[in-house]
């Protein structure tokens, strides 16, 4: 996980400690059924403490995250439980906390409310003509060191008052983070996007063969999978990537000669550069050398293979903040099939 600036929780905690904002919540259904019932009362700071405990599954870790005392966390949780007359956690002696089913639902609602509170700042900034505040984004693991670093730098140059927090992962973990509101937007692939996630395509990424720079096939570009299939194959063993690359062989009724598998792209580059075999990839680092210093070649594949599609994923139906919208606009401006930050052209 890369922390570009302090995360959302720390930022809003600082704000809430300066301004004690009181929130009154009244359920319309409850009010109609029982007009005599008084409004529910709690503070945003109490919600913040509960969210920290819910995410860390620990009073101690929540206190460390927010730089406050453990009793403050425990008191906030107890007050919320008493106010709503629900149990949010199961307490495990010396083993932390686990959320109850009610606690899981309450955690999601609390995050949404905190996001809405933060949006008040964003509205004020829009009126003042600026964009500021926290933004949590996700990136498919293999593209974080290539694309995201340049995208984020350009975005922060344009909006210096934004505080970015970037999480890397595979597609499944990014979707899970979107659903839990841990990130607002993810830069990822279009494969296997579920129905509750919106996806906006930005760029098509063709597959190429990764070979040692002095390999004889480099001079025959573009090359066919038939030219490679008998050679030792080093497979990127990550969810989605693994299935995609294997599907290319299946399209041609070919079976690759898999030498080894690894989930680390840099390990693949070093294996290939050292002459162990070849690999397939879509990410093209500008530096055409492995970590061991040996040169590589990116060779186009001959054939009509479907490209990987890179784009932006967001939770369907969730109202986007002004900061998220600004990040989307920036990505549309700098990411396209013919313009990929951090990427080298094919040979």
Protein backbone atom coordinates (compact mmCIF):
# COMPACT_ATOMS: atom_id res chain seq x y z
CA UNK A 1 0.00 0.00 0.00
CA UNK A 2 1.41 3.41 -0.99
CA UNK A 3 0.57 6.43 1.13
CA UNK A 4 0.96 9.59 -0.97
CA UNK A 5 -0.56 11.74 1.76
CA UNK A 6 -2.24 10.95 5.06
CA UNK A 7 -5.36 8.86 4.67
CA UNK A 8 -8.94 10.05 4.86
CA UNK A 9 -9.47 9.08 8.49
CA UNK A 10 -6.57 11.09 9.83
CA UNK A 11 -7.58 14.18 7.83
CA UNK A 12 -11.20 14.32 8.89
CA UNK A 13 -10.25 13.52 12.48
CA UNK A 14 -8.14 16.67 12.58
CA UNK A 15 -11.08 18.62 11.25
CA UNK A 16 -13.55 17.11 13.70
CA UNK A 17 -11.28 17.76 16.67
CA UNK A 18 -11.29 21.43 15.77
CA UNK A 19 -15.02 21.72 15.17
CA UNK A 20 -17.49 19.73 17.28
CA UNK A 21 -20.22 19.24 14.71
CA UNK A 22 -23.40 17.89 16.13
CA UNK A 23 -25.53 15.69 13.87
CA UNK A 24 -29.20 15.01 14.44
CA UNK A 25 -30.72 12.04 12.62
CA UNK A 26 -34.41 11.26 12.60
CA UNK A 27 -35.88 8.26 10.77
CA UNK A 28 -38.96 9.28 8.78
CA UNK A 29 -40.61 5.93 9.38
CA UNK A 30 -39.97 6.03 13.11
CA UNK A 31 -41.13 9.63 13.38
CA UNK A 32 -44.43 8.86 11.66
CA UNK A 33 -44.97 5.82 13.85
CA UNK A 34 -43.99 7.52 17.09
CA UNK A 35 -43.91 11.36 16.91
CA UNK A 36 -43.08 11.55 20.60
CA UNK A 37 -39.72 9.84 20.14
CA UNK A 38 -36.82 12.31 20.43
CA UNK A 39 -34.26 12.64 17.61
CA UNK A 40 -31.22 10.40 17.67
CA UNK A 41 -28.09 12.32 18.64
CA UNK A 42 -24.43 11.50 18.03
CA UNK A 43 -21.28 13.24 16.85
CA UNK A 44 -19.33 12.74 13.68
CA UNK A 45 -16.30 12.16 15.86
CA UNK A 46 -18.02 9.20 17.51
CA UNK A 47 -18.75 7.79 14.07
CA UNK A 48 -15.14 8.33 13.06
CA UNK A 49 -13.92 6.40 16.12
CA UNK A 50 -16.38 3.59 15.40
CA UNK A 51 -15.27 3.37 11.75
CA UNK A 52 -11.62 3.17 12.79
CA UNK A 53 -12.42 0.34 15.20
CA UNK A 54 -14.54 -1.44 12.61
CA UNK A 55 -11.82 -1.32 9.97
CA UNK A 56 -8.93 -2.30 12.25
CA UNK A 57 -10.95 -4.80 14.36
CA UNK A 58 -9.11 -3.42 17.38
CA UNK A 59 -9.58 -0.60 19.89
CA UNK A 60 -5.81 -0.36 20.25
CA UNK A 61 -5.13 -0.10 16.52
CA UNK A 62 -7.98 2.38 16.06
CA UNK A 63 -6.51 4.57 18.80
CA UNK A 64 -3.08 4.40 17.16
CA UNK A 65 -4.54 5.28 13.76
CA UNK A 66 -6.28 8.39 15.11
CA UNK A 67 -3.61 9.24 17.69
CA UNK A 68 -6.04 9.29 20.63
CA UNK A 69 -6.55 7.25 23.79
CA UNK A 70 -8.12 3.79 23.78
CA UNK A 71 -10.82 4.82 26.30
CA UNK A 72 -11.99 7.48 23.83
CA UNK A 73 -12.61 4.76 21.23
CA UNK A 74 -14.38 2.48 23.71
CA UNK A 75 -16.55 5.31 25.04
CA UNK A 76 -17.64 6.38 21.54
CA UNK A 77 -18.62 2.83 20.64
CA UNK A 78 -20.56 2.39 23.87
CA UNK A 79 -22.40 5.68 23.36
CA UNK A 80 -23.41 4.77 19.82
CA UNK A 81 -24.57 1.31 20.89
CA UNK A 82 -26.63 2.83 23.70
CA UNK A 83 -28.12 5.50 21.44
CA UNK A 84 -29.22 3.06 18.76
CA UNK A 85 -29.85 0.15 21.11
CA UNK A 86 -27.80 -2.27 18.98
CA UNK A 87 -24.65 -4.32 19.45
CA UNK A 88 -21.99 -3.33 16.94
CA UNK A 89 -19.13 -5.60 18.03
CA UNK A 90 -18.41 -8.92 19.63
CA UNK A 91 -15.56 -8.38 22.10
CA UNK A 92 -12.89 -11.08 22.17
CA UNK A 93 -10.65 -11.02 25.21
CA UNK A 94 -7.11 -10.11 24.11
CA UNK A 95 -8.08 -10.86 20.50
CA UNK A 96 -9.72 -7.64 19.36
CA UNK A 97 -13.19 -7.08 17.94
CA UNK A 98 -15.42 -8.55 15.27
CA UNK A 99 -18.41 -6.77 13.75
CA UNK A 100 -21.89 -8.14 14.28
CA UNK A 101 -24.19 -8.31 11.21
CA UNK A 102 -25.76 -5.06 12.43
CA UNK A 103 -22.27 -3.63 12.87
CA UNK A 104 -21.35 -4.42 9.26
CA UNK A 105 -24.38 -2.51 7.97
CA UNK A 106 -23.81 0.33 10.41
CA UNK A 107 -20.16 0.61 9.31
CA UNK A 108 -21.17 1.10 5.67
CA UNK A 109 -23.75 3.73 6.62
CA UNK A 110 -21.30 5.52 8.90
CA UNK A 111 -18.71 5.75 6.12
CA UNK A 112 -21.31 7.20 3.78
CA UNK A 113 -22.30 9.82 6.33
CA UNK A 114 -18.67 10.80 6.95
CA UNK A 115 -18.15 11.12 3.20
CA UNK A 116 -21.19 13.40 3.03
CA UNK A 117 -19.83 15.52 5.86
CA UNK A 118 -16.51 15.85 4.08
CA UNK A 119 -18.37 16.85 0.93
CA UNK A 120 -19.49 20.01 2.74
CA UNK A 121 -15.88 21.12 2.55
CA UNK A 122 -15.76 20.19 -1.11
CA UNK A 123 -18.85 22.25 -1.85
CA UNK A 124 -17.29 25.25 -0.13
CA UNK A 125 -14.08 24.72 -2.09
CA UNK A 126 -16.03 24.55 -5.35
CA UNK A 127 -17.66 27.87 -4.56
CA UNK A 128 -14.21 29.24 -3.84
CA UNK A 129 -12.94 27.77 -7.10
CA UNK A 130 -10.68 25.07 -5.64
CA UNK A 131 -10.64 21.30 -5.13
CA UNK A 132 -9.29 19.97 -1.83
CA UNK A 133 -9.65 17.16 0.66
CA UNK A 134 -8.94 13.42 0.76
CA UNK A 135 -9.34 10.98 -2.11
CA UNK A 136 -8.86 7.21 -1.78
CA UNK A 137 -8.15 5.48 -5.09
CA UNK A 138 -7.26 1.93 -6.11
CA UNK A 139 -4.98 0.60 -8.81
CA UNK A 140 -4.52 -2.79 -10.43
CA UNK A 141 -1.23 -4.01 -8.97
CA UNK A 142 0.87 -4.21 -12.13
CA UNK A 143 0.02 -0.66 -13.17
CA UNK A 144 0.60 1.14 -9.89
CA UNK A 145 4.34 1.74 -10.47
CA UNK A 146 3.85 2.60 -14.15
CA UNK A 147 0.68 4.59 -14.75
CA UNK A 148 -0.60 5.65 -11.35
CA UNK A 149 2.56 7.39 -10.18
CA UNK A 150 2.50 9.80 -13.13
CA UNK A 151 -1.30 10.18 -13.08
CA UNK A 152 -1.26 11.08 -9.39
CA UNK A 153 1.67 13.48 -9.74
CA UNK A 154 -0.10 15.35 -12.52
CA UNK A 155 -3.34 15.44 -10.53
CA UNK A 156 -1.61 16.79 -7.40
CA UNK A 157 0.21 19.40 -9.46
CA UNK A 158 -3.20 20.60 -10.65
CA UNK A 159 -4.93 20.26 -7.27
CA UNK A 160 -2.24 20.64 -4.57
CA UNK A 161 -4.79 20.73 -1.72
CA UNK A 162 -5.96 17.17 -2.43
CA UNK A 163 -4.63 14.39 -0.20
CA UNK A 164 -4.29 11.12 -2.13
CA UNK A 165 -4.19 7.62 -0.71
CA UNK A 166 -3.51 4.80 -3.18
CA UNK A 167 -4.24 1.10 -2.60
CA UNK A 168 -2.96 -1.61 -4.95
CA UNK A 169 -4.54 -5.02 -5.54
CA UNK A 170 -6.04 -7.41 -8.03
CA UNK A 171 -9.46 -6.85 -9.58
CA UNK A 172 -11.39 -8.78 -6.91
CA UNK A 173 -9.81 -6.90 -4.02
CA UNK A 174 -10.41 -3.54 -5.70
CA UNK A 175 -14.09 -4.35 -6.24
CA UNK A 176 -14.37 -5.35 -2.58
CA UNK A 177 -12.80 -2.06 -1.51
CA UNK A 178 -15.25 -0.13 -3.71
CA UNK A 179 -18.16 -1.95 -2.10
CA UNK A 180 -16.86 -1.22 1.41
CA UNK A 181 -16.29 2.45 0.48
CA UNK A 182 -12.58 2.08 1.29
CA UNK A 183 -11.80 3.60 -2.12
CA UNK A 184 -13.89 5.92 -4.29
CA UNK A 185 -12.50 4.91 -7.67
CA UNK A 186 -10.20 2.26 -9.14
CA UNK A 187 -7.99 2.13 -12.23
CA UNK A 188 -8.35 -1.46 -13.38
CA UNK A 189 -9.30 -3.84 -16.19
CA UNK A 190 -12.74 -4.39 -17.69
CA UNK A 191 -12.73 -8.20 -17.31
CA UNK A 192 -15.26 -9.69 -14.89
CA UNK A 193 -16.72 -6.37 -13.76
CA UNK A 194 -19.82 -7.21 -11.64
CA UNK A 195 -23.24 -5.65 -12.21
CA UNK A 196 -23.00 -3.28 -9.23
CA UNK A 197 -19.83 -1.63 -10.59
CA UNK A 198 -19.75 1.04 -13.31
CA UNK A 199 -16.80 0.86 -15.70
CA UNK A 200 -15.57 3.58 -18.07
CA UNK A 201 -13.02 2.31 -20.65
CA UNK A 202 -10.06 4.58 -21.30
CA UNK A 203 -7.41 2.58 -23.19
CA UNK A 204 -6.82 -0.66 -25.05
CA UNK A 205 -3.62 -2.51 -24.19
CA UNK A 206 -2.37 -5.03 -26.76
CA UNK A 207 -0.52 -8.13 -25.64
CA UNK A 208 3.12 -8.48 -26.63
CA UNK A 209 5.83 -11.10 -26.25
CA UNK A 210 8.55 -10.32 -23.73
CA UNK A 211 11.90 -11.65 -24.92
CA UNK A 212 15.61 -11.13 -24.25
CA UNK A 213 16.80 -8.27 -26.42
CA UNK A 214 19.18 -10.55 -28.36
CA UNK A 215 16.65 -13.32 -29.06
CA UNK A 216 16.44 -14.26 -32.80
CA UNK A 217 12.63 -13.85 -32.84
CA UNK A 218 12.96 -10.13 -32.05
CA UNK A 219 14.04 -9.51 -35.66
CA UNK A 220 10.93 -11.32 -37.00
CA UNK A 221 8.35 -9.02 -35.37
CA UNK A 222 5.43 -9.36 -35.35
CA UNK A 223 5.56 -12.98 -34.23
CA UNK A 224 2.89 -15.68 -33.84
CA UNK A 225 2.14 -17.70 -30.74
CA UNK A 226 3.07 -20.72 -32.86
CA UNK A 227 6.61 -19.33 -32.98
CA UNK A 228 6.72 -19.25 -29.18
CA UNK A 229 4.69 -22.21 -27.96
CA UNK A 230 7.58 -24.69 -27.81
CA UNK A 231 9.77 -22.30 -25.81
CA UNK A 232 9.70 -22.18 -22.00
CA UNK A 233 6.88 -19.87 -20.88
CA UNK A 234 6.97 -17.79 -17.67
CA UNK A 235 3.40 -17.05 -16.59
CA UNK A 236 2.26 -13.99 -14.64
CA UNK A 237 0.25 -15.85 -12.01
CA UNK A 238 -2.23 -13.18 -10.94
CA UNK A 239 -6.04 -13.39 -10.99
CA UNK A 240 -7.39 -12.08 -14.30
CA UNK A 241 -3.94 -11.79 -15.92
CA UNK A 242 -3.41 -15.56 -15.66
CA UNK A 243 -6.77 -16.38 -17.24
CA UNK A 244 -6.37 -13.76 -19.96
CA UNK A 245 -2.95 -14.92 -21.15
CA UNK A 246 -3.93 -18.59 -21.09
CA UNK A 247 -7.05 -17.77 -23.14
CA UNK A 248 -4.85 -16.53 -25.98
CA UNK A 249 -3.32 -19.98 -26.33
CA UNK A 250 -6.74 -21.62 -26.13
CA UNK A 251 -7.94 -19.48 -29.05
CA UNK A 252 -5.21 -21.09 -31.16
CA UNK A 253 -5.65 -24.61 -29.69
CA UNK A 254 -2.16 -24.37 -28.28
CA UNK A 255 -0.74 -25.48 -24.92
CA UNK A 256 2.12 -23.34 -23.58
CA UNK A 257 5.24 -24.98 -22.19
CA UNK A 258 5.04 -23.41 -18.72
CA UNK A 259 8.44 -23.31 -17.06
CA UNK A 260 7.41 -21.44 -13.93
CA UNK A 261 4.79 -19.09 -12.51
CA UNK A 262 5.17 -15.97 -10.41
CA UNK A 263 2.94 -13.12 -9.26
CA UNK A 264 5.78 -10.60 -9.49
CA UNK A 265 6.20 -8.83 -12.86
CA UNK A 266 9.77 -7.81 -12.07
CA UNK A 267 10.71 -11.43 -11.39
CA UNK A 268 9.33 -12.36 -14.82
CA UNK A 269 11.38 -9.61 -16.46
CA UNK A 270 14.56 -10.86 -14.80
CA UNK A 271 13.87 -14.50 -15.74
CA UNK A 272 13.26 -13.54 -19.35
CA UNK A 273 16.24 -11.21 -19.57
CA UNK A 274 18.46 -13.99 -18.19
CA UNK A 275 17.36 -16.31 -20.99
CA UNK A 276 15.04 -18.71 -19.14
CA UNK A 277 12.25 -18.25 -21.69
CA UNK A 278 9.60 -15.78 -22.78
CA UNK A 279 6.46 -14.25 -21.31
CA UNK A 280 3.36 -12.35 -22.40
CA UNK A 281 2.47 -8.95 -21.00
CA UNK A 282 0.42 -5.80 -21.55
CA UNK A 283 2.31 -3.44 -19.23
CA UNK A 284 5.30 -1.87 -20.99
CA UNK A 285 7.73 -0.11 -18.62
CA UNK A 286 9.74 2.64 -20.31
CA UNK A 287 12.91 1.11 -18.92
CA UNK A 288 13.50 -1.86 -21.21
CA UNK A 289 15.83 -3.60 -18.80
CA UNK A 290 15.20 -6.06 -15.99
CA UNK A 291 16.27 -5.37 -12.41
CA UNK A 292 19.39 -7.44 -13.11
CA UNK A 293 20.36 -4.86 -15.73
CA UNK A 294 19.91 -7.12 -18.75
CA UNK A 295 17.97 -5.71 -21.75
CA UNK A 296 14.53 -6.81 -22.91
CA UNK A 297 12.48 -6.52 -26.10
CA UNK A 298 8.72 -5.91 -26.43
CA UNK A 299 7.65 -7.76 -29.57
CA UNK A 300 4.11 -7.34 -31.04
CA UNK A 301 2.02 -10.47 -31.56
CA UNK A 302 0.60 -11.28 -34.99
CA UNK A 303 -3.08 -12.17 -34.86
CA UNK A 304 -6.40 -10.66 -33.90
CA UNK A 305 -6.23 -11.05 -30.13
CA UNK A 306 -8.61 -9.07 -27.90
CA UNK A 307 -6.73 -6.36 -25.99
CA UNK A 308 -6.98 -5.77 -22.28
CA UNK A 309 -9.13 -2.69 -21.60
CA UNK A 310 -8.02 -0.32 -18.86
CA UNK A 311 -10.44 2.14 -17.31
CA UNK A 312 -12.15 3.56 -14.25
CA UNK A 313 -14.36 1.54 -11.91
CA UNK A 314 -16.80 3.08 -9.43
CA UNK A 315 -19.63 1.75 -7.31
CA UNK A 316 -22.90 2.02 -9.24
CA UNK A 317 -25.43 4.49 -7.83
CA UNK A 318 -22.97 6.14 -5.44
CA UNK A 319 -22.95 9.93 -5.65
CA UNK A 320 -19.48 11.05 -6.70
CA UNK A 321 -17.74 13.82 -4.82
CA UNK A 322 -16.26 16.77 -6.65
CA UNK A 323 -12.77 15.41 -6.00
CA UNK A 324 -13.65 12.04 -7.56
CA UNK A 325 -15.11 13.80 -10.58
CA UNK A 326 -11.98 15.91 -10.93
CA UNK A 327 -9.81 12.77 -10.80
CA UNK A 328 -11.98 11.11 -13.47
CA UNK A 329 -11.57 14.14 -15.73
CA UNK A 330 -7.82 14.10 -15.23
CA UNK A 331 -7.60 10.39 -16.09
CA UNK A 332 -9.60 10.95 -19.28
CA UNK A 333 -7.12 13.63 -20.30
CA UNK A 334 -3.93 11.64 -19.72
CA UNK A 335 -4.87 7.97 -20.29
CA UNK A 336 -5.73 6.70 -23.77
CA UNK A 337 -4.70 3.92 -26.15
CA UNK A 338 -2.13 6.20 -27.79
CA UNK A 339 -1.08 7.99 -24.61
CA UNK A 340 -0.19 5.89 -21.59
CA UNK A 341 1.75 7.47 -18.71
CA UNK A 342 4.86 5.47 -17.85
CA UNK A 343 4.52 3.15 -20.84
CA UNK A 344 6.96 2.47 -23.69
CA UNK A 345 5.92 1.93 -27.33
CA UNK A 346 6.06 -1.55 -28.82
CA UNK A 347 9.17 -2.42 -30.81
